[in-house]
Amino acid sequence: MAVVEELARKGFGVNALVNRRGVETSGRDVRVVRADLFDAATLAAQMSECSAVIHLVGIIMEKPRAGVTFDRMHVEATRSVVDAAKRAGVRRFVHMSALGTRAGASSDYHKTKWLAEEIVRSSGLDWTIFRPSMIHGPRGEFMRMEAKWVRKQSPPFFFMPYFGKGLFGFGGAGTIQPVFVGDVARAFVESIDNPKSVGKEYAISGAQELSWPEMHRMVARMITGKSRLALPIPAWYAKALAAVVPAALLPFNRDQVIMSQEDNTADTSKFERDFGWKTTGFEESLRSYVNRL
């Protein structure tokens, strides 16, 4: 939604692909298109008068019984959208990947994101790939969960959890640079007409580096004026649970545990050089929307 709103704000007409009932967009320059992501012919027809394609589809949790897997939603969906763009004669293609995506990654999430990037890079289109760090904003699922933890409305009720290294989880975890959804949307929209960005990948993260406990405590202070206890769940234990407990019964999966142990930080100098601005820090951007959580 943030990218659609930014496109409309900048005066672009938007065909917004929607595949679920009840999901709507607003604005006179936004047209909702209901189509199958894997029907390249129909997608191409909807792209026929477009000057650019922005591909944002991705998942963090798999639902294999529903056909929602990392391979299908990251790799096959990207192939379908790229094929549709080529059929429609659309040259400009802007793609959403993720920070940490690389060949030989440990998580299936990052592995399939890499395969999707390879499809884009070999497409022959005028592409740009963004790899955002963890995205935060008032409508995001993660920040809604943070607010529930702060208010003791969701388990574990007595502390704010994170996955930690070591036997008892106190060996630390990866550091993070959460990036504001508004900054991500701005980057995607500005890239459309930015010739410097064609054929490039950009890591994009927030300006503030934090540990998981630091981030939890900052959110708590912003919402309630008080800090909250942040405690680790041992990563080895969380991975063991993910291996034996049905996915529907857990609020996390193996890949999320793996990725939490890696630093989710980036050198954004390449982005800043080509776009001419810097992303905001977590505290500053959180302050702008905390009353909406």
Protein backbone atom coordinates (compact mmCIF):
# COMPACT_ATOMS: atom_id res chain seq x y z
CA MET A 1 0.00 0.00 0.00
CA ALA A 2 2.79 2.45 0.82
CA VAL A 3 4.27 2.17 -2.68
CA VAL A 4 0.84 2.58 -4.29
CA GLU A 5 0.13 5.66 -2.18
CA GLU A 6 3.54 7.16 -3.01
CA LEU A 7 3.01 6.53 -6.73
CA ALA A 8 -0.37 8.24 -6.60
CA ARG A 9 1.06 11.12 -4.58
CA LYS A 10 3.74 11.64 -7.24
CA GLY A 11 1.12 11.74 -10.00
CA PHE A 12 1.51 8.26 -11.45
CA GLY A 13 -1.53 6.34 -12.63
CA VAL A 14 -1.46 2.91 -10.99
CA ASN A 15 -2.81 -0.51 -11.91
CA ALA A 16 -2.65 -2.26 -8.54
CA LEU A 17 -2.77 -6.06 -8.72
CA VAL A 18 -4.93 -7.48 -5.92
CA ASN A 19 -5.66 -11.17 -5.41
CA ARG A 20 -7.79 -11.13 -2.25
CA ARG A 21 -11.32 -9.99 -1.67
CA GLY A 22 -11.66 -7.09 0.72
CA VAL A 23 -8.28 -5.61 -0.20
CA GLU A 24 -8.80 -2.19 -1.70
CA THR A 25 -6.78 0.87 -2.59
CA SER A 26 -7.86 4.47 -2.77
CA GLY A 27 -7.33 7.44 -5.03
CA ARG A 28 -8.64 8.49 -8.39
CA ASP A 29 -5.41 7.48 -10.13
CA VAL A 30 -5.42 3.95 -8.68
CA ARG A 31 -7.25 1.14 -10.48
CA VAL A 32 -7.62 -2.19 -8.70
CA VAL A 33 -6.87 -5.14 -10.95
CA ARG A 34 -7.97 -8.58 -9.80
CA ALA A 35 -5.87 -11.21 -11.56
CA ASP A 36 -3.94 -14.41 -10.98
CA LEU A 37 -0.28 -13.73 -10.33
CA PHE A 38 0.61 -16.83 -12.36
CA ASP A 39 -1.47 -15.96 -15.43
CA ALA A 40 1.20 -14.19 -17.46
CA ALA A 41 -1.13 -13.55 -20.41
CA THR A 42 -3.71 -11.73 -18.27
CA LEU A 43 -0.99 -9.83 -16.44
CA ALA A 44 0.52 -8.75 -19.76
CA ALA A 45 -2.85 -7.39 -20.90
CA GLN A 46 -3.08 -5.32 -17.71
CA MET A 47 0.49 -4.06 -18.21
CA SER A 48 0.00 -3.13 -21.86
CA GLU A 49 -0.26 0.63 -21.25
CA CYS A 50 2.16 0.77 -18.33
CA SER A 51 5.59 2.37 -18.40
CA ALA A 52 7.01 0.35 -15.47
CA VAL A 53 6.34 -2.73 -13.38
CA ILE A 54 7.01 -2.80 -9.63
CA HIS A 55 7.09 -6.32 -8.23
CA LEU A 56 6.60 -6.46 -4.46
CA VAL A 57 5.18 -9.92 -3.83
CA GLY A 58 6.85 -11.94 -1.07
CA ILE A 59 6.00 -14.04 1.97
CA ILE A 60 7.67 -14.75 5.31
CA MET A 61 5.54 -17.75 6.32
CA GLU A 62 4.80 -20.73 4.10
CA LYS A 63 1.42 -22.48 3.83
CA PRO A 64 2.23 -25.55 1.71
CA ARG A 65 -1.31 -26.95 1.79
CA ALA A 66 -2.53 -23.75 0.18
CA GLY A 67 0.31 -23.77 -2.36
CA VAL A 68 1.98 -20.82 -0.64
CA THR A 69 5.68 -21.68 -0.53
CA PHE A 70 8.87 -19.66 -0.82
CA ASP A 71 9.66 -21.29 -4.15
CA ARG A 72 6.25 -20.59 -5.65
CA MET A 73 5.74 -17.07 -4.32
CA HIS A 74 9.31 -15.84 -4.75
CA VAL A 75 10.70 -17.74 -7.73
CA GLU A 76 7.74 -18.80 -9.85
CA ALA A 77 5.80 -15.61 -9.22
CA THR A 78 8.76 -13.49 -10.25
CA ARG A 79 9.20 -15.55 -13.42
CA SER A 80 5.51 -15.03 -14.24
CA VAL A 81 5.63 -11.27 -13.70
CA VAL A 82 8.87 -10.88 -15.68
CA ASP A 83 7.39 -12.91 -18.55
CA ALA A 84 4.27 -10.73 -18.49
CA ALA A 85 6.31 -7.53 -18.59
CA LYS A 86 8.26 -8.79 -21.58
CA ARG A 87 5.06 -9.80 -23.39
CA ALA A 88 3.60 -6.37 -22.73
CA GLY A 89 6.73 -4.61 -23.94
CA VAL A 90 7.37 -2.92 -20.60
CA ARG A 91 11.08 -2.25 -20.22
CA ARG A 92 11.31 -0.81 -16.68
CA PHE A 93 11.18 -3.36 -13.86
CA VAL A 94 11.70 -2.60 -10.16
CA HIS A 95 11.98 -5.61 -7.89
CA MET A 96 11.64 -6.12 -4.14
CA SER A 97 14.20 -8.52 -2.66
CA ALA A 98 15.51 -8.59 0.93
CA LEU A 99 18.66 -7.71 2.83
CA GLY A 100 20.74 -10.85 3.34
CA THR A 101 19.78 -12.34 -0.01
CA ARG A 102 22.80 -14.06 -1.52
CA ALA A 103 24.00 -17.22 -3.19
CA GLY A 104 24.55 -19.97 -0.64
CA ALA A 105 22.31 -18.39 2.03
CA SER A 106 21.32 -20.56 5.02
CA SER A 107 17.59 -19.83 4.94
CA ASP A 108 15.18 -20.99 2.26
CA TYR A 109 13.70 -17.49 2.32
CA HIS A 110 16.98 -15.91 1.20
CA LYS A 111 17.78 -18.76 -1.20
CA THR A 112 14.52 -18.27 -3.09
CA LYS A 113 14.89 -14.50 -3.02
CA TRP A 114 18.29 -14.98 -4.69
CA LEU A 115 16.81 -17.20 -7.39
CA ALA A 116 14.17 -14.53 -8.01
CA GLU A 117 16.89 -11.91 -8.37
CA GLU A 118 18.65 -14.11 -10.91
CA ILE A 119 15.49 -14.20 -13.01
CA VAL A 120 15.31 -10.41 -12.95
CA ARG A 121 19.01 -9.96 -13.72
CA SER A 122 18.81 -12.28 -16.73
CA SER A 123 15.53 -10.82 -18.04
CA GLY A 124 17.00 -8.29 -20.44
CA LEU A 125 14.77 -5.63 -18.88
CA ASP A 126 15.90 -2.30 -17.42
CA TRP A 127 15.82 -3.57 -13.87
CA THR A 128 16.55 -2.27 -10.39
CA ILE A 129 16.61 -4.52 -7.32
CA PHE A 130 16.13 -3.27 -3.77
CA ARG A 131 17.16 -5.28 -0.72
CA PRO A 132 15.47 -3.63 2.27
CA SER A 133 16.26 -4.51 5.86
CA MET A 134 13.33 -5.27 8.16
CA ILE A 135 10.58 -2.84 7.12
CA HIS A 136 8.55 -1.12 9.81
CA GLY A 137 5.46 1.07 9.71
CA PRO A 138 2.08 1.58 11.36
CA ARG A 139 0.27 -1.02 9.25
CA GLY A 140 3.00 -3.65 9.28
CA GLU A 141 2.39 -6.99 10.92
CA PHE A 142 5.61 -6.85 12.93
CA MET A 143 4.94 -3.46 14.51
CA ARG A 144 1.39 -4.47 15.36
CA MET A 145 2.87 -7.48 17.17
CA GLU A 146 5.38 -5.23 18.94
CA ALA A 147 2.52 -3.06 20.20
CA LYS A 148 0.69 -6.14 21.50
CA TRP A 149 3.81 -7.32 23.35
CA VAL A 150 4.25 -3.87 24.86
CA ARG A 151 0.64 -3.86 26.09
CA LYS A 152 0.82 -7.49 27.32
CA GLN A 153 -1.91 -8.47 24.88
CA SER A 154 -0.04 -11.34 23.23
CA PRO A 155 2.16 -14.19 24.54
CA PRO A 156 4.66 -14.26 26.07
CA PHE A 157 2.83 -11.76 28.27
CA PHE A 158 5.60 -11.08 30.79
CA PHE A 159 8.43 -10.07 28.44
CA MET A 160 9.26 -9.09 24.86
CA PRO A 161 10.97 -12.03 23.13
CA TYR A 162 13.83 -12.41 20.69
CA PHE A 163 15.94 -15.36 19.57
CA GLY A 164 19.36 -15.54 21.20
CA LYS A 165 22.55 -17.55 20.77
CA GLY A 166 23.86 -20.01 23.34
CA LEU A 167 22.39 -22.59 25.67
CA PHE A 168 20.07 -20.13 27.43
CA GLY A 169 19.89 -17.55 24.65
CA PHE A 170 22.02 -14.90 26.32
CA GLY A 171 24.81 -15.07 23.71
CA GLY A 172 23.35 -12.23 21.68
CA ALA A 173 21.66 -12.09 18.29
CA GLY A 174 22.12 -10.27 15.04
CA THR A 175 21.93 -6.48 15.00
CA ILE A 176 19.27 -4.74 12.96
CA GLN A 177 18.70 -1.47 11.10
CA PRO A 178 14.92 -1.35 10.58
CA VAL A 179 13.93 0.79 7.60
CA PHE A 180 10.80 2.95 7.53
CA VAL A 181 8.17 1.85 5.01
CA GLY A 182 7.85 5.43 3.77
CA ASP A 183 11.56 5.50 2.87
CA VAL A 184 11.23 2.21 1.00
CA ALA A 185 8.21 3.46 -0.93
CA ARG A 186 10.03 6.67 -1.83
CA ALA A 187 13.04 4.72 -3.10
CA PHE A 188 10.92 2.46 -5.31
CA VAL A 189 9.02 5.35 -6.86
CA GLU A 190 12.06 7.56 -7.42
CA SER A 191 13.93 4.68 -9.07
CA ILE A 192 11.45 4.57 -11.96
CA ASP A 193 12.86 7.69 -13.58
CA ASN A 194 16.36 7.47 -12.13
CA PRO A 195 18.71 6.25 -14.90
CA LYS A 196 21.53 5.76 -12.39
CA SER A 197 19.61 2.90 -10.79
CA VAL A 198 19.16 0.77 -13.91
CA GLY A 199 20.99 -2.54 -13.69
CA LYS A 200 21.87 -2.10 -10.00
CA GLU A 201 21.06 -3.72 -6.67
CA TYR A 202 20.66 -1.53 -3.60
CA ALA A 203 20.81 -2.44 0.06
CA ILE A 204 18.51 -0.06 1.92
CA SER A 205 18.31 0.08 5.69
CA GLY A 206 17.46 2.57 8.39
CA ALA A 207 20.07 4.95 9.75
CA GLN A 208 20.04 3.50 13.28
CA GLU A 209 21.71 0.20 14.27
CA LEU A 210 20.11 -1.60 17.21
CA SER A 211 20.13 -4.88 19.06
CA TRP A 212 16.79 -6.68 19.37
CA PRO A 213 16.45 -5.81 23.10
CA GLU A 214 17.25 -2.16 22.35
CA MET A 215 14.54 -2.04 19.70
CA HIS A 216 11.96 -3.70 21.97
CA ARG A 217 12.68 -1.29 24.82
CA MET A 218 12.53 1.71 22.51
CA VAL A 219 9.10 0.69 21.22
CA ALA A 220 7.88 0.14 24.79
CA ARG A 221 9.06 3.58 25.91
CA MET A 222 7.46 5.23 22.88
CA ILE A 223 4.09 3.56 23.44
CA THR A 224 3.78 3.51 27.23
CA GLY A 225 6.51 5.80 28.50
CA LYS A 226 8.09 2.85 30.29
CA SER A 227 10.67 0.24 29.35
CA ARG A 228 9.76 -3.45 29.23
CA LEU A 229 11.73 -6.58 29.96
CA ALA A 230 13.25 -8.15 26.83
CA LEU A 231 14.39 -11.76 27.18
CA PRO A 232 15.78 -14.31 24.73
CA ILE A 233 14.34 -17.59 23.57
CA PRO A 234 17.33 -19.84 22.75
CA ALA A 235 17.65 -20.08 18.98
CA TRP A 236 18.45 -23.81 19.13
CA TYR A 237 15.25 -24.44 21.07
CA ALA A 238 13.17 -22.34 18.68
CA LYS A 239 14.55 -24.25 15.68
CA ALA A 240 13.79 -27.55 17.42
CA LEU A 241 10.21 -26.43 18.01
CA ALA A 242 9.86 -25.36 14.38
CA ALA A 243 11.01 -28.82 13.29
CA VAL A 244 8.42 -30.78 15.31
CA VAL A 245 5.46 -28.46 15.99
CA PRO A 246 2.90 -27.92 13.19
CA ALA A 247 3.53 -24.56 11.52
CA ALA A 248 -0.02 -23.38 12.23
CA LEU A 249 0.66 -23.58 15.97
CA LEU A 250 3.79 -21.41 15.98
CA PRO A 251 4.09 -17.66 15.36
CA PHE A 252 7.52 -18.16 13.77
CA ASN A 253 9.35 -20.58 11.48
CA ARG A 254 12.86 -21.98 11.11
CA ASP A 255 13.91 -19.36 8.58
CA GLN A 256 12.94 -16.49 10.87
CA VAL A 257 15.09 -17.96 13.64
CA ILE A 258 18.06 -18.41 11.28
CA MET A 259 17.76 -14.88 9.90
CA SER A 260 17.47 -13.34 13.37
CA GLN A 261 20.96 -14.60 14.15
CA GLU A 262 22.45 -12.75 11.17
CA ASP A 263 23.17 -9.01 11.16
CA ASN A 264 20.42 -7.23 9.24
CA THR A 265 22.52 -4.14 8.56
CA ALA A 266 23.86 -2.50 5.43
CA ASP A 267 26.22 0.03 3.92
CA THR A 268 23.81 2.40 2.15
CA SER A 269 26.44 4.69 0.59
CA LYS A 270 25.71 3.36 -2.92
CA PHE A 271 22.02 4.15 -2.50
CA GLU A 272 22.74 7.59 -1.03
CA ARG A 273 25.11 8.45 -3.88
CA ASP A 274 22.62 7.55 -6.62
CA PHE A 275 19.46 8.88 -4.93
CA GLY A 276 20.82 11.87 -3.03
CA TRP A 277 19.16 11.32 0.35
CA LYS A 278 19.50 9.25 3.51
CA THR A 279 16.97 7.03 5.23
CA THR A 280 15.67 7.96 8.67
CA GLY A 281 16.53 6.23 11.94
CA PHE A 282 14.16 3.88 13.73
CA GLU A 283 13.44 6.20 16.66
CA GLU A 284 12.74 9.21 14.47
CA SER A 285 10.39 7.39 12.10
CA LEU A 286 8.66 5.48 14.91
CA ARG A 287 7.86 8.78 16.61
CA SER A 288 6.00 9.88 13.46
CA TYR A 289 3.43 7.07 13.69
CA VAL A 290 3.53 5.63 17.21
CA ASN A 291 0.11 7.10 18.04
CA ARG A 292 -1.37 4.98 15.24
CA LEU A 293 -0.17 1.67 16.69
